[in-house]
Amino acid sequence: MAGCSSHPRGIPGGGVEQHTQHTRGSSGIMTSAGTARPRPVVDDSDALMRTIAWIKAHRQLSLVAVAILVVVGGLVWWNSLSTRQSEQNAGRDLVSARLAVESRNFPVASSELSRIIANRSGTHAAQEANLLLAQVRLAQGQNQTAIELLRRFAPGASRDFRAQAYGLLGAAYENVAHPREAADAYQQGAAAAQMPFLRAQFLSDAGRAWTAAGDTAKAVAAYQEIVTTLDSTNTVVEAKVRLGELTRGAIPK
């Protein structure tokens, strides 16, 4: 008579036969018991319904938020439109003023440019008007007036106009025999210049002004910078000549 065993029949050695049960997920894919269940699918319609419910529960707050968005959007649009129109109007005014400058009608040019600067502040045309007005002052021999204008304008000028503003300031200082101030202005113009040829020209101007101010070391440094870093520009020939004069022929390599 066979003895009863406390172990179920299965694999010899007393191993228990594990029966894997399969269940069918909501997606229709069979998954094994004991394995990670698939993440529940988020129903977009549920999220939408929750959002609608929140809006209904907070109707006043929602209306305030929408009103703020409308107002902000309107202000941005209006500011963009206003800026564009202001630039266009200032550009038209500048064309007229530029014609007066080119015809050397300086009184009219001065009046129109001053009006653009005062009434079109912040526009591209107003920045160019500052440079043109400084040129008019220099052409009229009003160097001190040009210096005062450029000292106000140059530090805050945009990238497109800053180098030229400092270059004109240097010229104005040279006209009133202030070579050290002129050299410093030319150096700032060189630092702000975006084009190699313009940078080289301002460094050459700075070298000339430093020489007039009796600062040979700074003059040599300005010319040397042209020779070593801007040797592809036309200014390099003059820079080498000036270096030779300042160093008695011993041009630094």
Protein backbone atom coordinates (compact mmCIF):
# COMPACT_ATOMS: atom_id res chain seq x y z
CA MET A 1 0.00 0.00 0.00
CA ALA A 2 1.52 3.23 -1.08
CA GLY A 3 2.28 5.77 1.67
CA CYS A 4 0.84 9.19 1.54
CA SER A 5 3.32 11.98 1.04
CA SER A 6 2.95 15.45 2.52
CA HIS A 7 4.35 16.92 -0.68
CA PRO A 8 2.31 17.24 -3.83
CA ARG A 9 3.42 15.22 -6.77
CA GLY A 10 5.79 17.00 -9.02
CA ILE A 11 9.44 17.34 -9.77
CA PRO A 12 11.56 14.61 -8.17
CA GLY A 13 13.48 15.76 -5.14
CA GLY A 14 10.50 17.37 -3.51
CA GLY A 15 10.49 20.52 -5.72
CA VAL A 16 7.18 22.20 -5.91
CA GLU A 17 5.68 22.61 -9.33
CA GLN A 18 4.68 26.28 -9.67
CA HIS A 19 1.71 26.86 -11.88
CA THR A 20 1.96 30.21 -13.56
CA GLN A 21 -1.36 31.95 -13.71
CA HIS A 22 -2.05 34.41 -16.44
CA THR A 23 -4.41 37.27 -16.31
CA ARG A 24 -5.54 39.51 -19.11
CA GLY A 25 -4.93 43.20 -18.60
CA SER A 26 -7.29 45.91 -19.63
CA SER A 27 -5.27 46.39 -22.79
CA GLY A 28 -5.86 42.78 -23.80
CA ILE A 29 -2.23 41.69 -23.22
CA MET A 30 -1.60 38.61 -21.12
CA THR A 31 0.56 39.31 -18.03
CA SER A 32 2.18 36.89 -15.65
CA ALA A 33 1.25 36.90 -11.98
CA GLY A 34 3.95 38.45 -9.86
CA THR A 35 5.24 40.74 -12.62
CA ALA A 36 4.80 44.54 -12.64
CA ARG A 37 1.38 45.62 -13.80
CA PRO A 38 1.25 48.09 -16.73
CA ARG A 39 0.78 51.71 -15.83
CA PRO A 40 -2.83 52.80 -15.99
CA VAL A 41 -3.69 54.67 -19.14
CA VAL A 42 -4.47 58.31 -18.46
CA ASP A 43 -7.67 59.28 -20.18
CA ASP A 44 -7.34 62.74 -21.76
CA SER A 45 -11.06 63.23 -21.38
CA ASP A 46 -10.73 62.79 -17.61
CA ALA A 47 -8.07 65.50 -17.43
CA LEU A 48 -10.25 67.80 -19.49
CA MET A 49 -13.23 67.18 -17.27
CA ARG A 50 -11.19 67.89 -14.14
CA THR A 51 -9.95 71.15 -15.67
CA ILE A 52 -13.51 72.19 -16.55
CA ALA A 53 -14.67 71.31 -13.08
CA TRP A 54 -11.89 73.42 -11.52
CA ILE A 55 -12.80 76.37 -13.71
CA LYS A 56 -16.45 76.09 -12.72
CA ALA A 57 -15.48 75.93 -9.03
CA HIS A 58 -13.17 78.94 -9.38
CA ARG A 59 -15.10 80.94 -11.94
CA GLN A 60 -14.14 84.38 -10.62
CA LEU A 61 -10.44 83.54 -10.39
CA SER A 62 -10.50 82.11 -13.91
CA LEU A 63 -12.11 85.26 -15.30
CA VAL A 64 -9.46 87.40 -13.61
CA ALA A 65 -6.65 85.26 -15.08
CA VAL A 66 -8.15 85.48 -18.57
CA ALA A 67 -8.56 89.23 -18.24
CA ILE A 68 -4.91 89.61 -17.20
CA LEU A 69 -3.73 87.57 -20.17
CA VAL A 70 -5.84 89.66 -22.54
CA VAL A 71 -4.54 92.92 -21.10
CA VAL A 72 -0.89 91.78 -21.18
CA GLY A 73 -1.23 90.51 -24.73
CA GLY A 74 -2.81 93.78 -25.79
CA LEU A 75 -0.05 95.82 -24.20
CA VAL A 76 2.66 93.74 -25.90
CA TRP A 77 0.94 94.12 -29.27
CA TRP A 78 0.41 97.87 -28.79
CA ASN A 79 4.02 98.41 -27.69
CA SER A 80 5.32 96.52 -30.73
CA LEU A 81 3.08 98.50 -33.08
CA SER A 82 3.97 101.81 -31.43
CA THR A 83 7.70 101.08 -31.59
CA ARG A 84 7.49 100.16 -35.26
CA GLN A 85 5.57 103.30 -36.13
CA SER A 86 7.95 105.46 -34.08
CA GLU A 87 10.95 104.00 -35.93
CA GLN A 88 9.30 104.66 -39.29
CA ASN A 89 8.44 108.25 -38.43
CA ALA A 90 11.92 108.91 -37.03
CA GLY A 91 13.46 107.38 -40.15
CA ARG A 92 11.53 109.76 -42.38
CA ASP A 93 12.60 112.73 -40.28
CA LEU A 94 16.22 111.58 -40.45
CA VAL A 95 16.19 111.45 -44.25
CA SER A 96 15.30 115.14 -44.37
CA ALA A 97 17.95 116.04 -41.79
CA ARG A 98 20.61 114.03 -43.61
CA LEU A 99 19.90 115.90 -46.83
CA ALA A 100 20.42 119.18 -44.99
CA VAL A 101 23.78 117.92 -43.68
CA GLU A 102 24.92 116.81 -47.12
CA SER A 103 23.99 120.19 -48.61
CA ARG A 104 25.89 121.85 -45.72
CA ASN A 105 22.79 123.68 -44.60
CA PHE A 106 23.97 123.36 -41.02
CA PRO A 107 21.39 125.58 -39.27
CA VAL A 108 18.50 123.55 -40.70
CA ALA A 109 20.32 120.26 -40.12
CA SER A 110 21.07 121.21 -36.53
CA SER A 111 17.44 122.10 -35.84
CA GLU A 112 16.01 118.93 -37.39
CA LEU A 113 18.57 116.63 -35.74
CA SER A 114 17.99 118.19 -32.34
CA ARG A 115 14.25 117.66 -32.74
CA ILE A 116 14.76 113.99 -33.63
CA ILE A 117 16.98 113.46 -30.59
CA ALA A 118 14.42 115.11 -28.29
CA ASN A 119 11.24 113.60 -29.73
CA ARG A 120 12.39 110.19 -31.00
CA SER A 121 14.50 109.06 -28.07
CA GLY A 122 15.23 105.35 -28.02
CA THR A 123 14.98 104.87 -31.77
CA HIS A 124 17.74 103.84 -34.16
CA ALA A 125 17.27 107.14 -35.99
CA ALA A 126 17.80 109.15 -32.79
CA GLN A 127 21.14 107.44 -32.20
CA GLU A 128 22.28 108.23 -35.73
CA ALA A 129 21.03 111.78 -35.27
CA ASN A 130 23.41 112.21 -32.31
CA LEU A 131 26.37 111.29 -34.52
CA LEU A 132 25.26 113.58 -37.34
CA LEU A 133 24.69 116.47 -34.96
CA ALA A 134 28.18 115.98 -33.50
CA GLN A 135 29.60 116.12 -37.03
CA VAL A 136 27.66 119.31 -37.70
CA ARG A 137 29.06 120.88 -34.51
CA LEU A 138 32.60 119.92 -35.53
CA ALA A 139 32.07 121.32 -39.04
CA GLN A 140 30.89 124.58 -37.47
CA GLY A 141 33.95 124.71 -35.23
CA GLN A 142 31.83 124.16 -32.11
CA ASN A 143 34.21 121.60 -30.63
CA GLN A 144 33.25 122.06 -27.00
CA THR A 145 29.57 121.63 -27.83
CA ALA A 146 30.43 118.46 -29.74
CA ILE A 147 32.46 117.17 -26.78
CA GLU A 148 29.56 117.73 -24.38
CA LEU A 149 27.14 115.98 -26.74
CA LEU A 150 29.41 113.00 -27.33
CA ARG A 151 30.33 112.58 -23.67
CA ARG A 152 26.64 112.18 -22.92
CA PHE A 153 25.90 109.94 -25.88
CA ALA A 154 28.91 107.64 -26.34
CA PRO A 155 28.79 105.59 -23.10
CA GLY A 156 25.17 104.57 -23.66
CA ALA A 157 25.27 104.31 -27.44
CA SER A 158 24.26 101.02 -28.99
CA ARG A 159 26.86 98.65 -30.35
CA ASP A 160 26.35 99.96 -33.89
CA PHE A 161 27.21 103.56 -32.96
CA ARG A 162 29.51 103.43 -29.93
CA ALA A 163 32.83 103.12 -31.77
CA GLN A 164 32.03 106.03 -34.11
CA ALA A 165 30.87 108.16 -31.18
CA TYR A 166 34.19 107.68 -29.36
CA GLY A 167 36.09 108.32 -32.59
CA LEU A 168 34.35 111.68 -33.02
CA LEU A 169 34.96 112.47 -29.37
CA GLY A 170 38.67 111.83 -29.88
CA ALA A 171 38.70 114.15 -32.89
CA ALA A 172 36.93 116.88 -30.91
CA TYR A 173 39.46 116.61 -28.09
CA GLU A 174 42.33 116.84 -30.56
CA ASN A 175 40.78 119.99 -32.03
CA VAL A 176 40.95 121.67 -28.61
CA ALA A 177 44.49 120.41 -27.94
CA HIS A 178 43.64 117.78 -25.32
CA PRO A 179 45.72 114.87 -26.67
CA ARG A 180 45.50 112.65 -23.60
CA GLU A 181 41.70 112.78 -23.52
CA ALA A 182 41.69 112.28 -27.29
CA ALA A 183 43.90 109.20 -27.00
CA ASP A 184 41.69 107.70 -24.33
CA ALA A 185 38.58 108.27 -26.48
CA TYR A 186 40.27 106.68 -29.49
CA GLN A 187 41.24 103.65 -27.38
CA GLN A 188 37.62 103.22 -26.32
CA GLY A 189 36.56 103.55 -29.93
CA ALA A 190 39.02 100.81 -30.92
CA ALA A 191 37.70 98.56 -28.16
CA ALA A 192 34.11 99.05 -29.37
CA ALA A 193 34.88 98.71 -33.09
CA GLN A 194 33.37 95.64 -34.75
CA MET A 195 35.35 95.81 -37.99
CA PRO A 196 39.14 95.21 -38.06
CA PHE A 197 39.87 98.19 -40.33
CA LEU A 198 37.98 100.56 -38.02
CA ARG A 199 39.72 99.19 -34.95
CA ALA A 200 43.10 99.63 -36.64
CA GLN A 201 42.28 103.21 -37.60
CA PHE A 202 41.27 104.16 -34.06
CA LEU A 203 44.41 102.53 -32.65
CA SER A 204 46.48 104.53 -35.10
CA ASP A 205 44.67 107.69 -34.01
CA ALA A 206 45.32 106.74 -30.39
CA GLY A 207 49.01 106.22 -31.12
CA ARG A 208 49.23 109.68 -32.67
CA ALA A 209 47.43 111.26 -29.71
CA TRP A 210 49.56 109.40 -27.13
CA THR A 211 52.66 110.62 -28.94
CA ALA A 212 51.38 114.21 -28.78
CA ALA A 213 50.66 113.72 -25.08
CA GLY A 214 54.26 112.59 -24.53
CA ASP A 215 53.30 109.03 -23.53
CA THR A 216 55.63 107.04 -25.79
CA ALA A 217 54.97 103.72 -24.08
CA LYS A 218 51.24 103.84 -24.76
CA ALA A 219 51.84 105.05 -28.31
CA VAL A 220 54.16 102.11 -28.97
CA ALA A 221 51.58 99.72 -27.46
CA ALA A 222 48.84 101.05 -29.76
CA TYR A 223 50.97 100.76 -32.90
CA GLN A 224 52.29 97.37 -31.83
CA GLU A 225 48.75 96.05 -31.48
CA ILE A 226 48.09 96.99 -35.10
CA VAL A 227 51.25 95.25 -36.28
CA THR A 228 50.67 92.04 -34.32
CA THR A 229 46.89 91.58 -34.49
CA LEU A 230 45.69 93.69 -37.43
CA ASP A 231 48.45 93.15 -39.97
CA SER A 232 45.95 92.55 -42.78
CA THR A 233 44.67 96.14 -42.66
CA ASN A 234 46.03 99.05 -44.66
CA THR A 235 46.99 100.85 -41.44
CA VAL A 236 49.79 98.39 -40.69
CA VAL A 237 52.29 100.16 -42.99
CA GLU A 238 51.92 103.47 -41.18
CA ALA A 239 52.01 101.68 -37.82
CA LYS A 240 55.39 100.11 -38.66
CA VAL A 241 56.77 103.50 -39.71
CA ARG A 242 55.60 105.13 -36.47
CA LEU A 243 57.01 102.26 -34.43
CA GLY A 244 60.35 102.71 -36.14
CA GLU A 245 60.36 106.41 -35.29
CA LEU A 246 59.37 105.85 -31.66
CA THR A 247 61.81 102.99 -31.05
CA ARG A 248 64.66 104.40 -33.18
CA GLY A 249 64.37 101.55 -35.65
CA ALA A 250 64.19 98.76 -33.10
CA ILE A 251 60.70 97.60 -34.04
CA PRO A 252 59.43 95.01 -31.55
CA LYS A 253 58.76 91.61 -33.05
